[in-house]
Amino acid sequence: MRLRLLIAVVVLMMTVSAWAQLSTATLLGIVTDNAGAVVANATITLTQIDTNFKRVLKSNDQGQYRAEFLPIGSYTAKVEASGFKAFEQKGIALTATQQANLNFELSVGTENTVVQVTSEVPLVNLGNSTLSRTVDSIEVDNLPLVGRNAYRLLDLTPGVQSNTFENTVGFPAQHVIINGSPDDLVGEVSYYLDGGLNMTGLRNTGNALPNPDTIQEFVVQTNNFSAEYGRTGAGIVTVITKSGAN
């Protein structure tokens, strides 16, 4: 009995973790000095601009840091270490399911001096080998949508072969075929909304989405996605709605 209870708790924790990762992002990297030597125990403060959400962490003995489950959006990062000038990076944009790599290079100097970098940061996904595409709010707001259905933008994702809206059994359903996935009238794509499952229980297809004006972005994973998401094998569509600001 205790073993069954323990297994159930572990499965539940893994499920919650997977859902959280579908609606959040991960930022990782290394803190070094001008000579390329790692800087241990550096304090990294990540601040989301819209909500003023903060995450504070430290680099380890190898100068590495990893911040998981970050709400998506625009961030600034401030890095401080004893004997070095404080470093502030702006223009960090994180999207859902992203595992972005961002390294920081500190200069020797007084801690009261702040080096600011305001250029947009190109973030490379080095945390996994997932093939995906992010459709942001600019595309959702400006591209024509048949029937105001944001799922229509799935057609712009490489690997999506068929994308049809069905209403044959009395309820709306989105049926998508990705990279030659089998089509036996039962969907092979998993759909999520704000981290929670958003699928019909009858034919394994996607439920209707909210009004496109409420959608911030959605991510389409078409290959090499993590097994922790489970369920289907062809792809994953995760939609994030807009949230309030500070």
C-alpha atoms as a PDB file:
ATOM      1  CA  MET A   1       0.000   0.000   0.000  1.00  0.00           C
ATOM      2  CA  ARG A   2       2.764   2.404   0.917  1.00  0.00           C
ATOM      3  CA  LEU A   3       4.643   1.530  -2.273  1.00  0.00           C
ATOM      4  CA  ARG A   4       1.570   2.270  -4.387  1.00  0.00           C
ATOM      5  CA  LEU A   5       1.078   5.579  -2.599  1.00  0.00           C
ATOM      6  CA  LEU A   6       4.731   6.505  -3.165  1.00  0.00           C
ATOM      7  CA  ILE A   7       4.489   5.656  -6.867  1.00  0.00           C
ATOM      8  CA  ALA A   8       1.321   7.739  -7.190  1.00  0.00           C
ATOM      9  CA  VAL A   9       3.003  10.745  -5.543  1.00  0.00           C
ATOM     10  CA  VAL A  10       6.048  10.461  -7.828  1.00  0.00           C
ATOM     11  CA  VAL A  11       3.871  10.251 -10.951  1.00  0.00           C
ATOM     12  CA  LEU A  12       1.858  13.280  -9.808  1.00  0.00           C
ATOM     13  CA  MET A  13       5.023  15.321  -9.214  1.00  0.00           C
ATOM     14  CA  MET A  14       6.368  14.407 -12.655  1.00  0.00           C
ATOM     15  CA  THR A  15       3.059  15.400 -14.258  1.00  0.00           C
ATOM     16  CA  VAL A  16       2.973  18.784 -12.478  1.00  0.00           C
ATOM     17  CA  SER A  17       6.603  19.390 -13.498  1.00  0.00           C
ATOM     18  CA  ALA A  18       5.839  18.629 -17.157  1.00  0.00           C
ATOM     19  CA  TRP A  19       2.830  20.965 -17.172  1.00  0.00           C
ATOM     20  CA  ALA A  20       4.882  23.732 -15.564  1.00  0.00           C
ATOM     21  CA  GLN A  21       7.581  23.417 -18.205  1.00  0.00           C
ATOM     22  CA  LEU A  22       4.995  23.718 -20.977  1.00  0.00           C
ATOM     23  CA  SER A  23       4.070  27.235 -19.834  1.00  0.00           C
ATOM     24  CA  THR A  24       7.472  28.469 -18.592  1.00  0.00           C
ATOM     25  CA  ALA A  25      11.075  28.828 -19.770  1.00  0.00           C
ATOM     26  CA  THR A  26      14.578  27.914 -18.590  1.00  0.00           C
ATOM     27  CA  LEU A  27      17.649  30.177 -18.686  1.00  0.00           C
ATOM     28  CA  LEU A  28      21.129  28.725 -18.215  1.00  0.00           C
ATOM     29  CA  GLY A  29      24.746  29.675 -18.793  1.00  0.00           C
ATOM     30  CA  ILE A  30      28.181  30.379 -17.327  1.00  0.00           C
ATOM     31  CA  VAL A  31      29.612  33.438 -15.552  1.00  0.00           C
ATOM     32  CA  THR A  32      33.254  34.204 -16.440  1.00  0.00           C
ATOM     33  CA  ASP A  33      35.751  37.055 -16.200  1.00  0.00           C
ATOM     34  CA  ASN A  34      37.555  38.825 -19.074  1.00  0.00           C
ATOM     35  CA  ALA A  35      40.230  36.105 -19.148  1.00  0.00           C
ATOM     36  CA  GLY A  36      37.687  33.310 -19.473  1.00  0.00           C
ATOM     37  CA  ALA A  37      38.082  32.023 -15.891  1.00  0.00           C
ATOM     38  CA  VAL A  38      34.834  30.979 -14.236  1.00  0.00           C
ATOM     39  CA  VAL A  39      33.337  33.158 -11.507  1.00  0.00           C
ATOM     40  CA  ALA A  40      31.840  31.105  -8.689  1.00  0.00           C
ATOM     41  CA  ASN A  41      29.196  32.325  -6.246  1.00  0.00           C
ATOM     42  CA  ALA A  42      28.122  35.227  -8.449  1.00  0.00           C
ATOM     43  CA  THR A  43      24.640  36.562  -7.670  1.00  0.00           C
ATOM     44  CA  ILE A  44      22.279  36.615 -10.655  1.00  0.00           C
ATOM     45  CA  THR A  45      19.017  38.558 -10.367  1.00  0.00           C
ATOM     46  CA  LEU A  46      16.452  37.997 -13.113  1.00  0.00           C
ATOM     47  CA  THR A  47      13.582  40.503 -13.293  1.00  0.00           C
ATOM     48  CA  GLN A  48      10.560  40.194 -15.555  1.00  0.00           C
ATOM     49  CA  ILE A  49       9.807  43.674 -16.870  1.00  0.00           C
ATOM     50  CA  ASP A  50       5.994  43.498 -17.077  1.00  0.00           C
ATOM     51  CA  THR A  51       5.295  42.074 -13.628  1.00  0.00           C
ATOM     52  CA  ASN A  52       8.493  42.864 -11.666  1.00  0.00           C
ATOM     53  CA  PHE A  53       8.782  39.155 -10.843  1.00  0.00           C
ATOM     54  CA  LYS A  54      12.292  38.398  -9.535  1.00  0.00           C
ATOM     55  CA  ARG A  55      14.367  35.234  -9.351  1.00  0.00           C
ATOM     56  CA  VAL A  56      17.700  35.381  -7.463  1.00  0.00           C
ATOM     57  CA  LEU A  57      20.270  32.583  -7.756  1.00  0.00           C
ATOM     58  CA  LYS A  58      24.029  32.018  -7.560  1.00  0.00           C
ATOM     59  CA  SER A  59      26.556  30.442  -9.893  1.00  0.00           C
ATOM     60  CA  ASN A  60      28.094  27.177  -8.688  1.00  0.00           C
ATOM     61  CA  ASP A  61      31.795  26.266  -8.317  1.00  0.00           C
ATOM     62  CA  GLN A  62      32.088  25.893 -12.108  1.00  0.00           C
ATOM     63  CA  GLY A  63      30.476  29.300 -12.703  1.00  0.00           C
ATOM     64  CA  GLN A  64      27.308  27.679 -14.013  1.00  0.00           C
ATOM     65  CA  TYR A  65      23.765  28.794 -13.276  1.00  0.00           C
ATOM     66  CA  ARG A  66      20.347  27.431 -14.231  1.00  0.00           C
ATOM     67  CA  ALA A  67      16.989  29.105 -13.628  1.00  0.00           C
ATOM     68  CA  GLU A  68      13.971  26.900 -14.339  1.00  0.00           C
ATOM     69  CA  PHE A  69      10.216  27.518 -14.425  1.00  0.00           C
ATOM     70  CA  LEU A  70      10.551  31.194 -15.375  1.00  0.00           C
ATOM     71  CA  PRO A  71       7.334  32.929 -16.474  1.00  0.00           C
ATOM     72  CA  ILE A  72       7.663  33.884 -20.125  1.00  0.00           C
ATOM     73  CA  GLY A  73       8.246  37.474 -21.174  1.00  0.00           C
ATOM     74  CA  SER A  74      10.971  40.131 -21.307  1.00  0.00           C
ATOM     75  CA  TYR A  75      13.682  40.133 -18.634  1.00  0.00           C
ATOM     76  CA  THR A  76      16.669  42.048 -17.377  1.00  0.00           C
ATOM     77  CA  ALA A  77      19.558  40.233 -15.698  1.00  0.00           C
ATOM     78  CA  LYS A  78      21.938  41.747 -13.154  1.00  0.00           C
ATOM     79  CA  VAL A  79      25.113  39.844 -12.215  1.00  0.00           C
ATOM     80  CA  GLU A  80      27.208  40.802  -9.187  1.00  0.00           C
ATOM     81  CA  ALA A  81      30.375  39.263  -7.724  1.00  0.00           C
ATOM     82  CA  SER A  82      33.004  40.409  -5.261  1.00  0.00           C
ATOM     83  CA  GLY A  83      35.877  42.233  -6.989  1.00  0.00           C
ATOM     84  CA  PHE A  84      33.967  42.728 -10.263  1.00  0.00           C
ATOM     85  CA  LYS A  85      31.869  45.464 -11.803  1.00  0.00           C
ATOM     86  CA  ALA A  86      28.149  44.742 -11.677  1.00  0.00           C
ATOM     87  CA  PHE A  87      26.816  43.649 -15.079  1.00  0.00           C
ATOM     88  CA  GLU A  88      23.281  44.357 -16.297  1.00  0.00           C
ATOM     89  CA  GLN A  89      21.814  42.818 -19.444  1.00  0.00           C
ATOM     90  CA  LYS A  90      18.551  43.981 -21.004  1.00  0.00           C
ATOM     91  CA  GLY A  91      16.560  42.670 -23.959  1.00  0.00           C
ATOM     92  CA  ILE A  92      16.182  39.070 -22.783  1.00  0.00           C
ATOM     93  CA  ALA A  93      12.986  37.585 -24.255  1.00  0.00           C
ATOM     94  CA  LEU A  94      11.924  34.130 -23.042  1.00  0.00           C
ATOM     95  CA  THR A  95       9.237  32.025 -24.709  1.00  0.00           C
ATOM     96  CA  ALA A  96       7.320  28.955 -23.550  1.00  0.00           C
ATOM     97  CA  THR A  97       9.265  25.647 -23.310  1.00  0.00           C
ATOM     98  CA  GLN A  98      12.496  27.460 -24.246  1.00  0.00           C
ATOM     99  CA  GLN A  99      15.805  26.387 -22.714  1.00  0.00           C
ATOM    100  CA  ALA A 100      17.923  29.407 -23.573  1.00  0.00           C
ATOM    101  CA  ASN A 101      21.667  29.812 -23.087  1.00  0.00           C
ATOM    102  CA  LEU A 102      23.047  33.175 -21.941  1.00  0.00           C
ATOM    103  CA  ASN A 103      26.617  33.621 -20.675  1.00  0.00           C
ATOM    104  CA  PHE A 104      27.851  36.625 -18.677  1.00  0.00           C
ATOM    105  CA  GLU A 105      31.353  38.134 -18.760  1.00  0.00           C
ATOM    106  CA  LEU A 106      32.367  40.297 -15.814  1.00  0.00           C
ATOM    107  CA  SER A 107      35.071  42.948 -15.714  1.00  0.00           C
ATOM    108  CA  VAL A 108      37.392  43.495 -12.779  1.00  0.00           C
ATOM    109  CA  GLY A 109      36.548  46.668 -10.885  1.00  0.00           C
ATOM    110  CA  THR A 110      34.570  48.153  -8.035  1.00  0.00           C
ATOM    111  CA  GLU A 111      31.158  46.667  -7.351  1.00  0.00           C
ATOM    112  CA  ASN A 112      29.572  50.129  -7.381  1.00  0.00           C
ATOM    113  CA  THR A 113      30.235  50.405 -11.124  1.00  0.00           C
ATOM    114  CA  VAL A 114      27.535  48.929 -13.366  1.00  0.00           C
ATOM    115  CA  VAL A 115      28.168  47.801 -16.952  1.00  0.00           C
ATOM    116  CA  GLN A 116      24.892  47.987 -18.885  1.00  0.00           C
ATOM    117  CA  VAL A 117      24.155  46.188 -22.150  1.00  0.00           C
ATOM    118  CA  THR A 118      20.853  47.120 -23.788  1.00  0.00           C
ATOM    119  CA  SER A 119      21.020  45.349 -27.154  1.00  0.00           C
ATOM    120  CA  GLU A 120      18.590  42.532 -27.916  1.00  0.00           C
ATOM    121  CA  VAL A 121      20.015  39.187 -26.848  1.00  0.00           C
ATOM    122  CA  PRO A 122      20.070  36.283 -29.316  1.00  0.00           C
ATOM    123  CA  LEU A 123      19.231  33.260 -27.164  1.00  0.00           C
ATOM    124  CA  VAL A 124      20.403  29.873 -28.396  1.00  0.00           C
ATOM    125  CA  ASN A 125      18.553  26.774 -27.237  1.00  0.00           C
ATOM    126  CA  LEU A 126      21.369  24.580 -25.910  1.00  0.00           C
ATOM    127  CA  GLY A 127      19.316  22.793 -23.247  1.00  0.00           C
ATOM    128  CA  ASN A 128      17.794  20.272 -25.652  1.00  0.00           C
ATOM    129  CA  SER A 129      17.553  19.290 -29.323  1.00  0.00           C
ATOM    130  CA  THR A 130      13.831  19.951 -29.722  1.00  0.00           C
ATOM    131  CA  LEU A 131      12.652  21.248 -33.101  1.00  0.00           C
ATOM    132  CA  SER A 132       9.969  23.857 -32.546  1.00  0.00           C
ATOM    133  CA  ARG A 133       8.511  27.166 -33.648  1.00  0.00           C
ATOM    134  CA  THR A 134       7.087  29.969 -31.521  1.00  0.00           C
ATOM    135  CA  VAL A 135       4.151  31.968 -32.886  1.00  0.00           C
ATOM    136  CA  ASP A 136       4.097  35.278 -31.018  1.00  0.00           C
ATOM    137  CA  SER A 137       1.292  37.768 -30.396  1.00  0.00           C
ATOM    138  CA  ILE A 138       2.367  39.916 -33.371  1.00  0.00           C
ATOM    139  CA  GLU A 139       1.534  37.089 -35.772  1.00  0.00           C
ATOM    140  CA  VAL A 140      -1.652  36.205 -33.915  1.00  0.00           C
ATOM    141  CA  ASP A 141      -2.852  39.835 -33.999  1.00  0.00           C
ATOM    142  CA  ASN A 142      -1.883  40.708 -37.578  1.00  0.00           C
ATOM    143  CA  LEU A 143      -2.162  37.614 -39.757  1.00  0.00           C
ATOM    144  CA  PRO A 144      -5.591  36.735 -41.192  1.00  0.00           C
ATOM    145  CA  LEU A 145      -7.351  33.977 -39.241  1.00  0.00           C
ATOM    146  CA  VAL A 146     -10.198  32.028 -40.800  1.00  0.00           C
ATOM    147  CA  GLY A 147     -13.022  31.910 -38.276  1.00  0.00           C
ATOM    148  CA  ARG A 148     -10.827  33.702 -35.706  1.00  0.00           C
ATOM    149  CA  ASN A 149      -9.148  30.356 -35.061  1.00  0.00           C
ATOM    150  CA  ALA A 150      -5.509  30.790 -33.974  1.00  0.00           C
ATOM    151  CA  TYR A 151      -4.841  27.141 -34.807  1.00  0.00           C
ATOM    152  CA  ARG A 152      -4.790  28.210 -38.467  1.00  0.00           C
ATOM    153  CA  LEU A 153      -1.282  29.583 -37.844  1.00  0.00           C
ATOM    154  CA  LEU A 154      -0.037  26.014 -37.395  1.00  0.00           C
ATOM    155  CA  ASP A 155       0.182  25.930 -41.198  1.00  0.00           C
ATOM    156  CA  LEU A 156       3.251  28.203 -40.964  1.00  0.00           C
ATOM    157  CA  THR A 157       5.225  25.579 -39.012  1.00  0.00           C
ATOM    158  CA  PRO A 158       7.632  23.354 -40.995  1.00  0.00           C
ATOM    159  CA  GLY A 159       6.548  19.737 -40.752  1.00  0.00           C
ATOM    160  CA  VAL A 160       2.809  20.430 -40.425  1.00  0.00           C
ATOM    161  CA  GLN A 161       1.235  18.571 -43.359  1.00  0.00           C
ATOM    162  CA  SER A 162      -2.457  18.856 -42.576  1.00  0.00           C
ATOM    163  CA  ASN A 163      -4.387  21.199 -40.314  1.00  0.00           C
ATOM    164  CA  THR A 164      -8.150  20.863 -40.374  1.00  0.00           C
ATOM    165  CA  PHE A 165     -11.044  22.045 -38.234  1.00  0.00           C
ATOM    166  CA  GLU A 166     -13.641  19.332 -37.646  1.00  0.00           C
ATOM    167  CA  ASN A 167     -17.189  19.423 -36.330  1.00  0.00           C
ATOM    168  CA  THR A 168     -18.467  16.070 -37.508  1.00  0.00           C
ATOM    169  CA  VAL A 169     -19.651  14.597 -34.211  1.00  0.00           C
ATOM    170  CA  GLY A 170     -21.276  17.643 -32.683  1.00  0.00           C
ATOM    171  CA  PHE A 171     -18.284  19.438 -31.135  1.00  0.00           C
ATOM    172  CA  PRO A 172     -15.387  21.498 -32.567  1.00  0.00           C
ATOM    173  CA  ALA A 173     -12.013  19.749 -32.836  1.00  0.00           C
ATOM    174  CA  GLN A 174      -8.650  20.583 -34.388  1.00  0.00           C
ATOM    175  CA  HIS A 175      -6.965  17.700 -36.239  1.00  0.00           C
ATOM    176  CA  VAL A 176      -3.298  18.111 -37.202  1.00  0.00           C
ATOM    177  CA  ILE A 177      -0.865  15.773 -38.957  1.00  0.00           C
ATOM    178  CA  ILE A 178       2.864  16.417 -38.402  1.00  0.00           C
ATOM    179  CA  ASN A 179       5.821  14.767 -40.176  1.00  0.00           C
ATOM    180  CA  GLY A 180       3.838  11.875 -41.603  1.00  0.00           C
ATOM    181  CA  SER A 181       2.105  10.889 -38.376  1.00  0.00           C
ATOM    182  CA  PRO A 182      -0.548   8.153 -38.840  1.00  0.00           C
ATOM    183  CA  ASP A 183      -4.068   9.328 -39.569  1.00  0.00           C
ATOM    184  CA  ASP A 184      -6.502   6.762 -38.188  1.00  0.00           C
ATOM    185  CA  LEU A 185      -9.138   9.340 -37.238  1.00  0.00           C
ATOM    186  CA  VAL A 186      -7.505   9.663 -33.812  1.00  0.00           C
ATOM    187  CA  GLY A 187      -5.114  12.579 -33.299  1.00  0.00           C
ATOM    188  CA  GLU A 188      -1.394  12.109 -32.697  1.00  0.00           C
ATOM    189  CA  VAL A 189      -0.712  15.638 -31.411  1.00  0.00           C
ATOM    190  CA  SER A 190      -1.004  16.803 -27.784  1.00  0.00           C
ATOM    191  CA  TYR A 191      -2.624  20.197 -27.091  1.00  0.00           C
ATOM    192  CA  TYR A 192      -2.082  22.287 -23.959  1.00  0.00           C
ATOM    193  CA  LEU A 193      -3.502  25.613 -22.770  1.00  0.00           C
ATOM    194  CA  ASP A 194      -1.566  27.506 -20.067  1.00  0.00           C
ATOM    195  CA  GLY A 195       0.128  24.253 -19.089  1.00  0.00           C
ATOM    196  CA  GLY A 196      -3.071  22.210 -18.744  1.00  0.00           C
ATOM    197  CA  LEU A 197      -4.322  19.570 -21.167  1.00  0.00           C
ATOM    198  CA  ASN A 198      -6.691  21.001 -23.796  1.00  0.00           C
ATOM    199  CA  MET A 199      -7.924  17.967 -25.729  1.00  0.00           C
ATOM    200  CA  THR A 200     -11.160  16.178 -26.483  1.00  0.00           C
ATOM    201  CA  GLY A 201     -11.537  12.814 -24.820  1.00  0.00           C
ATOM    202  CA  LEU A 202     -13.256  11.176 -27.775  1.00  0.00           C
ATOM    203  CA  ARG A 203     -10.911  11.539 -30.738  1.00  0.00           C
ATOM    204  CA  ASN A 204      -7.734  12.895 -29.104  1.00  0.00           C
ATOM    205  CA  THR A 205      -7.944  16.212 -30.954  1.00  0.00           C
ATOM    206  CA  GLY A 206      -7.541  19.822 -29.836  1.00  0.00           C
ATOM    207  CA  ASN A 207     -10.312  21.732 -28.094  1.00  0.00           C
ATOM    208  CA  ALA A 208     -11.275  25.154 -29.396  1.00  0.00           C
ATOM    209  CA  LEU A 209      -9.030  28.042 -28.303  1.00  0.00           C
ATOM    210  CA  PRO A 210     -10.067  31.281 -26.586  1.00  0.00           C
ATOM    211  CA  ASN A 211     -10.459  34.474 -28.586  1.00  0.00           C
ATOM    212  CA  PRO A 212      -7.142  35.179 -30.381  1.00  0.00           C
ATOM    213  CA  ASP A 213      -7.001  38.617 -28.711  1.00  0.00           C
ATOM    214  CA  THR A 214      -6.282  36.796 -25.430  1.00  0.00           C
ATOM    215  CA  ILE A 215      -3.408  34.679 -26.779  1.00  0.00           C
ATOM    216  CA  GLN A 216       0.157  35.787 -26.066  1.00  0.00           C
ATOM    217  CA  GLU A 217       1.971  33.051 -27.981  1.00  0.00           C
ATOM    218  CA  PHE A 218       1.996  29.366 -28.752  1.00  0.00           C
ATOM    219  CA  VAL A 219       4.766  26.870 -29.383  1.00  0.00           C
ATOM    220  CA  VAL A 220       4.679  23.960 -31.835  1.00  0.00           C
ATOM    221  CA  GLN A 221       7.155  21.160 -31.069  1.00  0.00           C
ATOM    222  CA  THR A 222       7.549  18.852 -34.050  1.00  0.00           C
ATOM    223  CA  ASN A 223      10.518  16.614 -33.255  1.00  0.00           C
ATOM    224  CA  ASN A 224      12.880  15.484 -30.490  1.00  0.00           C
ATOM    225  CA  PHE A 225      10.608  16.778 -27.742  1.00  0.00           C
ATOM    226  CA  SER A 226      11.093  15.404 -24.253  1.00  0.00           C
ATOM    227  CA  ALA A 227       9.474  12.093 -23.309  1.00  0.00           C
ATOM    228  CA  GLU A 228       8.219  13.678 -20.084  1.00  0.00           C
ATOM    229  CA  TYR A 229       5.366  15.245 -22.038  1.00  0.00           C
ATOM    230  CA  GLY A 230       4.151  11.761 -23.025  1.00  0.00           C
ATOM    231  CA  ARG A 231       0.706  11.019 -24.532  1.00  0.00           C
ATOM    232  CA  THR A 232       1.258  11.323 -28.297  1.00  0.00           C
ATOM    233  CA  GLY A 233       4.226  10.944 -30.602  1.00  0.00           C
ATOM    234  CA  ALA A 234       3.728  13.387 -33.475  1.00  0.00           C
ATOM    235  CA  GLY A 235       3.977  16.779 -31.814  1.00  0.00           C
ATOM    236  CA  ILE A 236       2.975  19.163 -29.042  1.00  0.00           C
ATOM    237  CA  VAL A 237       1.049  22.435 -29.313  1.00  0.00           C
ATOM    238  CA  THR A 238       1.112  24.597 -26.185  1.00  0.00           C
ATOM    239  CA  VAL A 239      -0.812  27.881 -26.073  1.00  0.00           C
ATOM    240  CA  ILE A 240      -0.193  30.643 -23.524  1.00  0.00           C
ATOM    241  CA  THR A 241      -2.773  33.346 -22.842  1.00  0.00           C
ATOM    242  CA  LYS A 242      -1.943  36.913 -21.918  1.00  0.00           C
ATOM    243  CA  SER A 243      -1.471  37.771 -18.260  1.00  0.00           C
ATOM    244  CA  GLY A 244      -1.698  41.019 -16.341  1.00  0.00           C
ATOM    245  CA  ALA A 245       1.159  43.458 -15.820  1.00  0.00           C
ATOM    246  CA  ASN A 246       2.481  45.010 -12.625  1.00  0.00           C
END
